[in-house]
Amino acid sequence: MMAKEVPGGLFITLEGPECAGKSTQGRLLARALQSEEFRVQQVREPGGTVVGEQLRGIVKHVCGPDAVCDEAELLIFEASRAQLVRKVIQPSLAAGDIVICDRFADSSVAYQGYARGLDLTLIHALNNAVVGERWPDLTFLLDLDQAAGSRRGQMRLETLFVEDRIEDESVQFHRRVREGFLRVAAENRHRFRVLDATQRIDEIHTQIMSSVTDALSTVL
């Protein structure tokens, strides 16, 4: 059977604070869509390309006195995003694929803007220069408060013994991240769906699939 093509592609992003379940929901969504014969590209930020994955290691795992400064952090995320957009996202959408991205430009607004305090006008300008006209069609914000995220992080085996500069930020930082995401969602209601990340995994997946099915129905 031939794979189903989506005219112009469908671009879906998953956003949220640390440990909100974005990666899990991204995998479940990709499998569900692939089972329906859609071509799916699943990527992450920072990362998704050879260059992006190397930048990911620098921005997340170089800690201590050699860690990047706030401005360098922003520019590294934008550089990784530019590579991902040009090398993967744009070609995949042009081919009629569904692209699922774990974090995207909204994360820069929440983390480097609202949490770090960098200039929001600058961040929006950089995002627009990198993303161009092809912003996500649908963005799911998995909303989770800082205390719940911290409890989940303590139980996450894959990062238990890995130092992560951003995950290890202060309680106040992660509260500002959540507040930032909620502001971004409120300003972009046309594409955001805010979901309670404390629900069961299958409940969240059902809600995501319902919205994606509705989005597909308008283009197929």
N, C-alpha and C. Protein backbone atom coordinates (compact mmCIF):
# COMPACT_ATOMS: atom_id res chain seq x y z
N MET A 1 0.85 -1.20 0.00
CA MET A 1 0.00 0.00 0.00
C MET A 1 0.88 1.24 0.00
N MET A 2 0.50 2.22 -0.83
CA MET A 2 1.26 3.46 -0.90
C MET A 2 0.99 4.29 0.35
N ALA A 3 2.05 4.99 0.80
CA ALA A 3 1.89 5.86 1.95
C ALA A 3 0.98 7.03 1.60
N LYS A 4 0.21 7.46 2.58
CA LYS A 4 -0.67 8.61 2.37
C LYS A 4 0.14 9.90 2.41
N GLU A 5 -0.14 10.78 1.48
CA GLU A 5 0.50 12.09 1.47
C GLU A 5 -0.49 13.14 1.98
N VAL A 6 0.03 14.11 2.69
CA VAL A 6 -0.76 15.24 3.17
C VAL A 6 -0.35 16.46 2.36
N PRO A 7 -1.24 17.02 1.54
CA PRO A 7 -0.86 18.18 0.71
C PRO A 7 -0.28 19.30 1.57
N GLY A 8 0.98 19.65 1.28
CA GLY A 8 1.64 20.69 2.05
C GLY A 8 2.19 20.21 3.38
N GLY A 9 1.94 18.93 3.71
CA GLY A 9 2.41 18.38 4.97
C GLY A 9 1.60 18.86 6.16
N LEU A 10 1.88 18.28 7.32
CA LEU A 10 1.27 18.72 8.58
C LEU A 10 2.38 18.81 9.61
N PHE A 11 2.51 19.98 10.23
CA PHE A 11 3.60 20.26 11.16
C PHE A 11 3.03 20.36 12.57
N ILE A 12 3.44 19.41 13.43
CA ILE A 12 2.93 19.31 14.80
C ILE A 12 4.11 19.47 15.77
N THR A 13 3.93 20.32 16.77
CA THR A 13 4.96 20.45 17.79
C THR A 13 4.39 20.14 19.17
N LEU A 14 5.28 19.65 20.03
CA LEU A 14 4.94 19.34 21.42
C LEU A 14 5.80 20.20 22.32
N GLU A 15 5.16 20.96 23.18
CA GLU A 15 5.86 21.89 24.06
C GLU A 15 5.49 21.62 25.52
N GLY A 16 6.28 22.18 26.42
CA GLY A 16 5.96 22.06 27.83
C GLY A 16 7.19 22.10 28.70
N PRO A 17 7.00 22.22 30.01
CA PRO A 17 8.13 22.22 30.94
C PRO A 17 8.84 20.87 30.94
N GLU A 18 9.92 20.79 31.70
CA GLU A 18 10.66 19.54 31.81
C GLU A 18 9.77 18.43 32.36
N CYS A 19 9.95 17.22 31.81
CA CYS A 19 9.29 16.01 32.30
C CYS A 19 7.77 16.02 32.13
N ALA A 20 7.27 16.81 31.19
CA ALA A 20 5.82 16.87 30.98
C ALA A 20 5.29 15.70 30.15
N GLY A 21 6.18 14.95 29.52
CA GLY A 21 5.75 13.79 28.75
C GLY A 21 5.72 14.00 27.25
N LYS A 22 6.43 15.02 26.77
CA LYS A 22 6.43 15.34 25.34
C LYS A 22 6.96 14.19 24.49
N SER A 23 8.09 13.63 24.89
CA SER A 23 8.70 12.56 24.10
C SER A 23 7.80 11.34 24.03
N THR A 24 7.19 10.99 25.14
CA THR A 24 6.27 9.84 25.17
C THR A 24 5.10 10.07 24.23
N GLN A 25 4.49 11.24 24.31
CA GLN A 25 3.34 11.52 23.46
C GLN A 25 3.74 11.63 22.00
N GLY A 26 4.94 12.12 21.73
CA GLY A 26 5.41 12.18 20.36
C GLY A 26 5.57 10.79 19.75
N ARG A 27 6.11 9.87 20.53
CA ARG A 27 6.28 8.49 20.04
C ARG A 27 4.92 7.83 19.80
N LEU A 28 4.00 8.01 20.73
CA LEU A 28 2.67 7.41 20.58
C LEU A 28 1.96 7.98 19.35
N LEU A 29 2.06 9.27 19.15
CA LEU A 29 1.42 9.90 18.00
C LEU A 29 2.03 9.40 16.70
N ALA A 30 3.35 9.32 16.66
CA ALA A 30 4.02 8.85 15.45
C ALA A 30 3.59 7.43 15.10
N ARG A 31 3.55 6.55 16.09
CA ARG A 31 3.15 5.17 15.83
C ARG A 31 1.71 5.09 15.34
N ALA A 32 0.83 5.87 15.94
CA ALA A 32 -0.58 5.84 15.54
C ALA A 32 -0.74 6.31 14.10
N LEU A 33 -0.04 7.37 13.73
CA LEU A 33 -0.15 7.89 12.37
C LEU A 33 0.51 6.95 11.35
N GLN A 34 1.62 6.33 11.74
CA GLN A 34 2.27 5.37 10.85
C GLN A 34 1.39 4.15 10.63
N SER A 35 0.64 3.77 11.66
CA SER A 35 -0.27 2.63 11.51
C SER A 35 -1.39 2.92 10.52
N GLU A 36 -1.64 4.21 10.29
CA GLU A 36 -2.64 4.63 9.31
C GLU A 36 -2.02 4.93 7.95
N GLU A 37 -0.75 4.53 7.77
CA GLU A 37 -0.02 4.63 6.50
C GLU A 37 0.45 6.04 6.15
N PHE A 38 0.52 6.93 7.13
CA PHE A 38 1.11 8.24 6.88
C PHE A 38 2.63 8.15 7.03
N ARG A 39 3.33 8.95 6.24
CA ARG A 39 4.78 9.08 6.43
C ARG A 39 5.01 10.11 7.53
N VAL A 40 5.79 9.73 8.53
CA VAL A 40 5.99 10.59 9.70
C VAL A 40 7.49 10.80 9.94
N GLN A 41 7.86 12.04 10.14
CA GLN A 41 9.21 12.39 10.54
C GLN A 41 9.15 12.89 11.98
N GLN A 42 9.84 12.19 12.88
CA GLN A 42 9.84 12.58 14.29
C GLN A 42 11.21 13.14 14.65
N VAL A 43 11.25 14.41 15.10
CA VAL A 43 12.52 15.08 15.39
C VAL A 43 12.42 15.78 16.74
N ARG A 44 13.56 16.32 17.18
CA ARG A 44 13.57 17.02 18.46
C ARG A 44 14.47 18.25 18.38
N GLU A 45 14.23 19.15 19.33
CA GLU A 45 15.07 20.34 19.49
C GLU A 45 15.64 20.41 20.90
N PRO A 46 16.88 20.88 21.03
CA PRO A 46 17.81 21.01 19.92
C PRO A 46 18.21 19.61 19.43
N GLY A 47 18.52 19.49 18.17
CA GLY A 47 18.89 18.20 17.61
C GLY A 47 18.20 17.96 16.28
N GLY A 48 17.99 16.68 15.97
CA GLY A 48 17.29 16.32 14.75
C GLY A 48 18.16 16.24 13.51
N THR A 49 19.38 16.75 13.60
CA THR A 49 20.37 16.66 12.52
C THR A 49 21.72 16.36 13.17
N VAL A 50 22.71 16.01 12.37
CA VAL A 50 24.05 15.76 12.93
C VAL A 50 24.57 17.01 13.63
N VAL A 51 24.44 18.15 12.97
CA VAL A 51 24.89 19.41 13.56
C VAL A 51 24.09 19.72 14.82
N GLY A 52 22.78 19.57 14.73
CA GLY A 52 21.92 19.88 15.87
C GLY A 52 22.21 19.03 17.09
N GLU A 53 22.51 17.75 16.88
CA GLU A 53 22.79 16.88 18.02
C GLU A 53 24.08 17.27 18.71
N GLN A 54 25.07 17.73 17.93
CA GLN A 54 26.31 18.20 18.56
C GLN A 54 26.06 19.49 19.34
N LEU A 55 25.24 20.37 18.78
CA LEU A 55 24.90 21.59 19.51
C LEU A 55 24.12 21.27 20.78
N ARG A 56 23.28 20.24 20.72
CA ARG A 56 22.51 19.82 21.90
C ARG A 56 23.44 19.47 23.06
N GLY A 57 24.50 18.72 22.75
CA GLY A 57 25.44 18.35 23.80
C GLY A 57 26.10 19.55 24.43
N ILE A 58 26.42 20.55 23.63
CA ILE A 58 27.07 21.75 24.15
C ILE A 58 26.13 22.52 25.06
N VAL A 59 24.90 22.75 24.60
CA VAL A 59 24.00 23.64 25.34
C VAL A 59 23.42 22.98 26.58
N LYS A 60 23.30 21.65 26.58
CA LYS A 60 22.67 20.98 27.72
C LYS A 60 23.67 20.38 28.71
N HIS A 61 24.81 19.93 28.23
CA HIS A 61 25.66 19.12 29.09
C HIS A 61 27.04 19.69 29.40
N VAL A 62 27.40 20.84 28.83
CA VAL A 62 28.63 21.52 29.24
C VAL A 62 28.27 22.42 30.42
N CYS A 63 28.70 22.03 31.60
CA CYS A 63 28.28 22.71 32.83
C CYS A 63 29.46 23.41 33.50
N GLY A 64 29.19 24.08 34.60
CA GLY A 64 30.25 24.73 35.36
C GLY A 64 30.73 26.01 34.70
N PRO A 65 31.99 26.38 34.94
CA PRO A 65 32.50 27.66 34.43
C PRO A 65 32.56 27.75 32.90
N ASP A 66 32.56 26.61 32.21
CA ASP A 66 32.63 26.61 30.76
C ASP A 66 31.25 26.60 30.10
N ALA A 67 30.19 26.60 30.90
CA ALA A 67 28.83 26.57 30.34
C ALA A 67 28.56 27.82 29.51
N VAL A 68 27.69 27.69 28.53
CA VAL A 68 27.37 28.83 27.67
C VAL A 68 26.65 29.91 28.46
N CYS A 69 26.84 31.16 28.05
CA CYS A 69 26.11 32.27 28.65
C CYS A 69 24.70 32.30 28.05
N ASP A 70 23.83 33.13 28.61
CA ASP A 70 22.43 33.15 28.18
C ASP A 70 22.29 33.50 26.69
N GLU A 71 23.05 34.49 26.24
CA GLU A 71 22.95 34.90 24.84
C GLU A 71 23.44 33.80 23.91
N ALA A 72 24.53 33.14 24.28
CA ALA A 72 25.04 32.03 23.47
C ALA A 72 24.04 30.89 23.45
N GLU A 73 23.37 30.64 24.58
CA GLU A 73 22.35 29.60 24.64
C GLU A 73 21.26 29.86 23.61
N LEU A 74 20.77 31.09 23.57
CA LEU A 74 19.73 31.44 22.61
C LEU A 74 20.20 31.20 21.18
N LEU A 75 21.40 31.65 20.86
CA LEU A 75 21.90 31.54 19.49
C LEU A 75 22.18 30.09 19.10
N ILE A 76 22.59 29.27 20.05
CA ILE A 76 22.80 27.85 19.77
C ILE A 76 21.48 27.18 19.44
N PHE A 77 20.44 27.48 20.21
CA PHE A 77 19.12 26.93 19.90
C PHE A 77 18.65 27.37 18.52
N GLU A 78 18.87 28.64 18.18
CA GLU A 78 18.44 29.14 16.88
C GLU A 78 19.25 28.49 15.75
N ALA A 79 20.54 28.26 15.98
CA ALA A 79 21.37 27.62 14.96
C ALA A 79 20.91 26.18 14.73
N SER A 80 20.64 25.46 15.80
CA SER A 80 20.14 24.09 15.67
C SER A 80 18.80 24.09 14.95
N ARG A 81 17.94 25.05 15.29
CA ARG A 81 16.61 25.15 14.66
C ARG A 81 16.74 25.45 13.17
N ALA A 82 17.62 26.35 12.81
CA ALA A 82 17.80 26.68 11.40
C ALA A 82 18.21 25.44 10.60
N GLN A 83 19.14 24.67 11.13
CA GLN A 83 19.59 23.46 10.45
C GLN A 83 18.45 22.45 10.31
N LEU A 84 17.67 22.30 11.37
CA LEU A 84 16.55 21.36 11.35
C LEU A 84 15.47 21.79 10.35
N VAL A 85 15.15 23.08 10.34
CA VAL A 85 14.13 23.58 9.42
C VAL A 85 14.55 23.37 7.97
N ARG A 86 15.79 23.76 7.65
CA ARG A 86 16.24 23.70 6.25
C ARG A 86 16.50 22.27 5.78
N LYS A 87 17.04 21.44 6.65
CA LYS A 87 17.48 20.10 6.23
C LYS A 87 16.40 19.03 6.38
N VAL A 88 15.47 19.22 7.31
CA VAL A 88 14.50 18.15 7.59
C VAL A 88 13.06 18.63 7.45
N ILE A 89 12.68 19.67 8.19
CA ILE A 89 11.27 20.05 8.28
C ILE A 89 10.72 20.53 6.94
N GLN A 90 11.37 21.50 6.33
CA GLN A 90 10.85 22.02 5.06
C GLN A 90 10.78 20.95 3.97
N PRO A 91 11.84 20.15 3.74
CA PRO A 91 11.75 19.11 2.71
C PRO A 91 10.69 18.06 3.01
N SER A 92 10.53 17.70 4.27
CA SER A 92 9.54 16.69 4.64
C SER A 92 8.12 17.19 4.40
N LEU A 93 7.84 18.43 4.79
CA LEU A 93 6.51 18.99 4.57
C LEU A 93 6.22 19.12 3.07
N ALA A 94 7.24 19.52 2.32
CA ALA A 94 7.06 19.66 0.87
C ALA A 94 6.74 18.31 0.22
N ALA A 95 7.23 17.22 0.84
CA ALA A 95 6.98 15.87 0.31
C ALA A 95 5.65 15.29 0.77
N GLY A 96 4.91 16.04 1.60
CA GLY A 96 3.61 15.58 2.08
C GLY A 96 3.67 14.74 3.34
N ASP A 97 4.76 14.84 4.09
CA ASP A 97 4.91 14.08 5.33
C ASP A 97 4.28 14.82 6.50
N ILE A 98 4.08 14.10 7.58
CA ILE A 98 3.71 14.70 8.86
C ILE A 98 4.98 14.80 9.70
N VAL A 99 5.27 15.99 10.19
CA VAL A 99 6.46 16.21 11.01
C VAL A 99 6.01 16.44 12.45
N ILE A 100 6.58 15.66 13.37
CA ILE A 100 6.31 15.81 14.80
C ILE A 100 7.60 16.25 15.46
N CYS A 101 7.60 17.42 16.06
CA CYS A 101 8.82 17.97 16.65
C CYS A 101 8.66 18.16 18.15
N ASP A 102 9.56 17.55 18.91
CA ASP A 102 9.62 17.68 20.37
C ASP A 102 10.36 18.98 20.68
N ARG A 103 9.61 20.05 20.95
CA ARG A 103 10.04 21.43 21.16
C ARG A 103 10.29 22.11 19.82
N PHE A 104 10.04 23.42 19.82
CA PHE A 104 10.34 24.22 18.64
C PHE A 104 10.50 25.67 19.10
N ALA A 105 10.16 26.62 18.24
CA ALA A 105 10.47 28.03 18.51
C ALA A 105 9.80 28.57 19.77
N ASP A 106 8.63 28.04 20.12
CA ASP A 106 7.95 28.51 21.34
C ASP A 106 8.79 28.26 22.59
N SER A 107 9.63 27.24 22.55
CA SER A 107 10.49 26.97 23.71
C SER A 107 11.50 28.09 23.94
N SER A 108 11.98 28.69 22.86
CA SER A 108 12.92 29.80 23.02
C SER A 108 12.25 30.99 23.70
N VAL A 109 10.98 31.22 23.36
CA VAL A 109 10.25 32.32 24.00
C VAL A 109 10.09 32.04 25.49
N ALA A 110 9.71 30.80 25.84
CA ALA A 110 9.47 30.46 27.24
C ALA A 110 10.76 30.39 28.05
N TYR A 111 11.77 29.72 27.51
CA TYR A 111 13.01 29.49 28.28
C TYR A 111 13.95 30.70 28.24
N GLN A 112 14.32 31.13 27.04
CA GLN A 112 15.29 32.22 26.96
C GLN A 112 14.63 33.58 27.15
N GLY A 113 13.34 33.68 26.81
CA GLY A 113 12.63 34.94 27.00
C GLY A 113 12.09 35.11 28.41
N TYR A 114 11.03 34.39 28.73
CA TYR A 114 10.39 34.59 30.03
C TYR A 114 11.23 34.09 31.20
N ALA A 115 11.96 32.99 31.03
CA ALA A 115 12.72 32.45 32.16
C ALA A 115 14.09 33.10 32.30
N ARG A 116 14.81 33.29 31.20
CA ARG A 116 16.14 33.90 31.26
C ARG A 116 16.07 35.43 31.29
N GLY A 117 14.98 35.98 30.76
CA GLY A 117 14.84 37.43 30.75
C GLY A 117 15.47 38.12 29.56
N LEU A 118 15.80 37.36 28.50
CA LEU A 118 16.34 38.00 27.30
C LEU A 118 15.23 38.72 26.55
N ASP A 119 15.62 39.64 25.68
CA ASP A 119 14.68 40.51 24.99
C ASP A 119 13.72 39.71 24.10
N LEU A 120 12.43 39.83 24.36
CA LEU A 120 11.44 39.07 23.61
C LEU A 120 11.36 39.52 22.15
N THR A 121 11.55 40.80 21.91
CA THR A 121 11.52 41.29 20.53
C THR A 121 12.63 40.65 19.71
N LEU A 122 13.81 40.54 20.31
CA LEU A 122 14.94 39.89 19.64
C LEU A 122 14.63 38.42 19.36
N ILE A 123 14.08 37.73 20.35
CA ILE A 123 13.78 36.31 20.19
C ILE A 123 12.75 36.09 19.09
N HIS A 124 11.71 36.91 19.07
CA HIS A 124 10.70 36.78 18.01
C HIS A 124 11.31 37.04 16.64
N ALA A 125 12.22 38.01 16.56
CA ALA A 125 12.86 38.31 15.28
C ALA A 125 13.71 37.14 14.81
N LEU A 126 14.48 36.55 15.73
CA LEU A 126 15.31 35.40 15.37
C LEU A 126 14.43 34.22 14.97
N ASN A 127 13.38 33.98 15.73
CA ASN A 127 12.48 32.87 15.39
C ASN A 127 11.88 33.06 14.00
N ASN A 128 11.43 34.26 13.72
CA ASN A 128 10.81 34.52 12.41
C ASN A 128 11.82 34.36 11.28
N ALA A 129 13.07 34.77 11.52
CA ALA A 129 14.10 34.63 10.49
C ALA A 129 14.41 33.16 10.22
N VAL A 130 14.41 32.36 11.27
CA VAL A 130 14.75 30.94 11.14
C VAL A 130 13.58 30.12 10.61
N VAL A 131 12.39 30.36 11.14
CA VAL A 131 11.22 29.55 10.80
C VAL A 131 10.62 29.96 9.46
N GLY A 132 10.67 31.26 9.15
CA GLY A 132 10.04 31.74 7.93
C GLY A 132 8.53 31.73 8.07
N GLU A 133 7.85 31.36 7.00
CA GLU A 133 6.39 31.38 7.00
C GLU A 133 5.77 30.07 7.48
N ARG A 134 6.58 29.03 7.67
CA ARG A 134 6.00 27.70 7.98
C ARG A 134 6.07 27.40 9.47
N TRP A 135 5.23 28.09 10.22
CA TRP A 135 5.09 27.80 11.63
C TRP A 135 4.26 26.53 11.81
N PRO A 136 4.28 25.94 12.99
CA PRO A 136 3.49 24.71 13.20
C PRO A 136 2.01 24.91 12.90
N ASP A 137 1.40 23.86 12.40
CA ASP A 137 -0.05 23.87 12.19
C ASP A 137 -0.78 23.64 13.50
N LEU A 138 -0.15 22.86 14.38
CA LEU A 138 -0.79 22.46 15.63
C LEU A 138 0.29 22.30 16.69
N THR A 139 0.09 22.92 17.84
CA THR A 139 1.04 22.82 18.95
C THR A 139 0.32 22.35 20.20
N PHE A 140 0.84 21.29 20.79
CA PHE A 140 0.28 20.77 22.04
C PHE A 140 1.17 21.20 23.20
N LEU A 141 0.60 21.93 24.14
CA LEU A 141 1.32 22.32 25.34
C LEU A 141 0.91 21.36 26.45
N LEU A 142 1.84 20.54 26.89
CA LEU A 142 1.59 19.63 28.00
C LEU A 142 1.93 20.39 29.28
N ASP A 143 0.91 20.83 29.96
CA ASP A 143 1.07 21.74 31.09
C ASP A 143 1.27 20.96 32.38
N LEU A 144 2.35 21.29 33.09
CA LEU A 144 2.71 20.60 34.32
C LEU A 144 3.37 21.59 35.25
N ASP A 145 2.94 21.62 36.52
CA ASP A 145 3.58 22.57 37.43
C ASP A 145 4.96 22.07 37.85
N GLN A 146 5.75 22.99 38.41
CA GLN A 146 7.16 22.69 38.69
C GLN A 146 7.31 21.54 39.67
N ALA A 147 6.48 21.47 40.70
CA ALA A 147 6.62 20.42 41.72
C ALA A 147 6.41 19.04 41.12
N ALA A 148 5.37 18.91 40.28
CA ALA A 148 5.11 17.62 39.63
C ALA A 148 6.23 17.25 38.68
N GLY A 149 6.75 18.24 37.95
CA GLY A 149 7.86 17.98 37.03
C GLY A 149 9.10 17.53 37.76
N SER A 150 9.37 18.13 38.91
CA SER A 150 10.53 17.75 39.70
C SER A 150 10.42 16.31 40.20
N ARG A 151 9.23 15.92 40.63
CA ARG A 151 9.03 14.55 41.10
C ARG A 151 9.25 13.55 39.97
N ARG A 152 8.75 13.88 38.80
CA ARG A 152 8.94 12.99 37.65
C ARG A 152 10.42 12.90 37.29
N GLY A 153 11.12 14.03 37.34
CA GLY A 153 12.53 14.04 36.98
C GLY A 153 13.37 13.15 37.87
N GLN A 154 12.99 13.08 39.14
CA GLN A 154 13.74 12.24 40.08
C GLN A 154 13.57 10.75 39.79
N MET A 155 12.51 10.41 39.05
CA MET A 155 12.25 9.01 38.74
C MET A 155 12.65 8.63 37.32
N ARG A 156 13.15 9.59 36.54
CA ARG A 156 13.45 9.32 35.13
C ARG A 156 14.83 8.71 35.02
N LEU A 157 14.88 7.43 34.72
CA LEU A 157 16.12 6.67 34.75
C LEU A 157 17.11 7.13 33.69
N GLU A 158 16.61 7.52 32.49
CA GLU A 158 17.53 7.82 31.40
C GLU A 158 18.38 9.05 31.67
N THR A 159 17.94 9.94 32.59
CA THR A 159 18.74 11.13 32.89
C THR A 159 19.17 11.17 34.36
N LEU A 160 18.99 10.08 35.07
CA LEU A 160 19.27 10.07 36.50
C LEU A 160 20.73 10.38 36.80
N PHE A 161 21.64 9.87 35.97
CA PHE A 161 23.07 10.06 36.21
C PHE A 161 23.73 10.96 35.16
N VAL A 162 22.91 11.74 34.45
CA VAL A 162 23.42 12.65 33.43
C VAL A 162 23.17 14.08 33.88
N GLU A 163 24.22 14.86 33.95
CA GLU A 163 24.07 16.26 34.35
C GLU A 163 23.44 17.04 33.21
N ASP A 164 22.36 17.73 33.49
CA ASP A 164 21.66 18.53 32.48
C ASP A 164 21.53 19.95 33.01
N ARG A 165 22.23 20.86 32.37
CA ARG A 165 22.33 22.23 32.86
C ARG A 165 20.98 22.92 32.97
N ILE A 166 20.08 22.65 32.01
CA ILE A 166 18.79 23.33 32.00
C ILE A 166 17.82 22.68 32.99
N GLU A 167 17.77 21.36 33.00
CA GLU A 167 16.90 20.68 33.96
C GLU A 167 17.29 21.01 35.39
N ASP A 168 18.58 21.27 35.62
CA ASP A 168 19.06 21.53 36.98
C ASP A 168 18.91 22.98 37.42
N GLU A 169 18.23 23.80 36.62
CA GLU A 169 18.00 25.19 37.01
C GLU A 169 17.10 25.27 38.24
N SER A 170 16.95 26.47 38.78
CA SER A 170 16.22 26.68 40.03
C SER A 170 14.72 26.45 39.88
N VAL A 171 14.06 26.29 41.02
CA VAL A 171 12.61 26.17 41.05
C VAL A 171 11.97 27.39 40.41
N GLN A 172 12.48 28.57 40.74
CA GLN A 172 11.92 29.81 40.20
C GLN A 172 12.05 29.86 38.68
N PHE A 173 13.17 29.38 38.16
CA PHE A 173 13.37 29.35 36.71
C PHE A 173 12.29 28.50 36.04
N HIS A 174 12.06 27.31 36.56
CA HIS A 174 11.09 26.41 35.92
C HIS A 174 9.65 26.92 36.10
N ARG A 175 9.40 27.65 37.16
CA ARG A 175 8.08 28.28 37.29
C ARG A 175 7.88 29.34 36.22
N ARG A 176 8.94 30.11 35.95
CA ARG A 176 8.85 31.13 34.90
C ARG A 176 8.68 30.49 33.53
N VAL A 177 9.31 29.34 33.31
CA VAL A 177 9.15 28.62 32.04
C VAL A 177 7.68 28.26 31.83
N ARG A 178 7.06 27.68 32.86
CA ARG A 178 5.65 27.29 32.74
C ARG A 178 4.78 28.52 32.47
N GLU A 179 5.00 29.58 33.23
CA GLU A 179 4.21 30.80 33.03
C GLU A 179 4.40 31.34 31.62
N GLY A 180 5.64 31.25 31.11
CA GLY A 180 5.92 31.71 29.77
C GLY A 180 5.16 30.92 28.72
N PHE A 181 5.15 29.60 28.87
CA PHE A 181 4.41 28.77 27.92
C PHE A 181 2.92 29.10 27.93
N LEU A 182 2.36 29.30 29.11
CA LEU A 182 0.93 29.61 29.18
C LEU A 182 0.63 30.95 28.51
N ARG A 183 1.54 31.91 28.63
CA ARG A 183 1.35 33.20 27.95
C ARG A 183 1.41 33.02 26.43
N VAL A 184 2.39 32.25 25.98
CA VAL A 184 2.53 32.02 24.53
C VAL A 184 1.29 31.33 23.99
N ALA A 185 0.78 30.34 24.74
CA ALA A 185 -0.42 29.63 24.30
C ALA A 185 -1.62 30.56 24.22
N ALA A 186 -1.74 31.45 25.20
CA ALA A 186 -2.87 32.38 25.21
C ALA A 186 -2.81 33.36 24.03
N GLU A 187 -1.60 33.66 23.58
CA GLU A 187 -1.42 34.60 22.46
C GLU A 187 -1.54 33.92 21.11
N ASN A 188 -1.57 32.58 21.10
CA ASN A 188 -1.61 31.84 19.84
C ASN A 188 -2.66 30.73 19.92
N ARG A 189 -3.86 31.12 20.31
CA ARG A 189 -4.93 30.13 20.52
C ARG A 189 -5.30 29.39 19.24
N HIS A 190 -5.03 29.96 18.09
CA HIS A 190 -5.41 29.33 16.83
C HIS A 190 -4.67 28.02 16.59
N ARG A 191 -3.48 27.86 17.16
CA ARG A 191 -2.75 26.61 16.94
C ARG A 191 -2.43 25.83 18.21
N PHE A 192 -2.62 26.43 19.38
CA PHE A 192 -2.28 25.76 20.64
C PHE A 192 -3.44 24.96 21.19
N ARG A 193 -3.13 23.78 21.74
CA ARG A 193 -4.05 23.00 22.53
C ARG A 193 -3.34 22.74 23.87
N VAL A 194 -3.88 23.27 24.95
CA VAL A 194 -3.26 23.11 26.27
C VAL A 194 -3.87 21.89 26.95
N LEU A 195 -3.01 20.94 27.31
CA LEU A 195 -3.47 19.69 27.91
C LEU A 195 -2.88 19.52 29.30
N ASP A 196 -3.67 19.00 30.20
CA ASP A 196 -3.23 18.73 31.57
C ASP A 196 -2.31 17.51 31.55
N ALA A 197 -1.02 17.72 31.80
CA ALA A 197 -0.05 16.64 31.71
C ALA A 197 -0.09 15.69 32.89
N THR A 198 -0.95 15.96 33.90
CA THR A 198 -1.08 15.02 35.01
C THR A 198 -2.07 13.90 34.71
N GLN A 199 -2.75 13.99 33.58
CA GLN A 199 -3.68 12.93 33.20
C GLN A 199 -2.91 11.66 32.83
N ARG A 200 -3.65 10.55 32.71
CA ARG A 200 -3.02 9.32 32.27
C ARG A 200 -2.48 9.47 30.85
N ILE A 201 -1.43 8.74 30.55
CA ILE A 201 -0.79 8.81 29.23
C ILE A 201 -1.79 8.54 28.12
N ASP A 202 -2.64 7.52 28.31
CA ASP A 202 -3.59 7.16 27.26
C ASP A 202 -4.66 8.23 27.08
N GLU A 203 -5.03 8.92 28.15
CA GLU A 203 -6.01 10.00 28.04
C GLU A 203 -5.45 11.16 27.22
N ILE A 204 -4.21 11.52 27.49
CA ILE A 204 -3.57 12.60 26.75
C ILE A 204 -3.45 12.22 25.28
N HIS A 205 -3.03 10.98 25.03
CA HIS A 205 -2.89 10.51 23.65
C HIS A 205 -4.22 10.59 22.90
N THR A 206 -5.30 10.21 23.54
CA THR A 206 -6.62 10.27 22.91
C THR A 206 -6.98 11.70 22.53
N GLN A 207 -6.69 12.65 23.41
CA GLN A 207 -6.99 14.06 23.13
C GLN A 207 -6.13 14.58 21.98
N ILE A 208 -4.86 14.19 21.96
CA ILE A 208 -3.98 14.62 20.87
C ILE A 208 -4.46 14.04 19.54
N MET A 209 -4.79 12.76 19.53
CA MET A 209 -5.24 12.12 18.29
C MET A 209 -6.52 12.76 17.77
N SER A 210 -7.40 13.15 18.66
CA SER A 210 -8.65 13.79 18.25
C SER A 210 -8.36 15.11 17.52
N SER A 211 -7.45 15.91 18.07
CA SER A 211 -7.11 17.19 17.43
C SER A 211 -6.39 16.98 16.11
N VAL A 212 -5.49 15.99 16.06
CA VAL A 212 -4.74 15.72 14.82
C VAL A 212 -5.69 15.21 13.74
N THR A 213 -6.62 14.34 14.12
CA THR A 213 -7.60 13.83 13.16
C THR A 213 -8.43 14.97 12.58
N ASP A 214 -8.83 15.90 13.43
CA ASP A 214 -9.59 17.07 12.96
C ASP A 214 -8.74 17.90 11.98
N ALA A 215 -7.47 18.09 12.31
CA ALA A 215 -6.59 18.88 11.44
C ALA A 215 -6.41 18.20 10.09
N LEU A 216 -6.25 16.89 10.10
CA LEU A 216 -6.08 16.15 8.84
C LEU A 216 -7.33 16.20 7.99
N SER A 217 -8.48 16.22 8.64
CA SER A 217 -9.75 16.22 7.89
C SER A 217 -9.93 17.49 7.07
N THR A 218 -9.24 18.54 7.45
CA THR A 218 -9.39 19.80 6.72
C THR A 218 -8.49 19.88 5.50
N VAL A 219 -7.49 18.98 5.42
CA VAL A 219 -6.54 19.05 4.29
C VAL A 219 -6.60 17.82 3.38
N LEU A 220 -7.24 16.75 3.81
CA LEU A 220 -7.30 15.53 2.99
C LEU A 220 -8.60 15.45 2.21
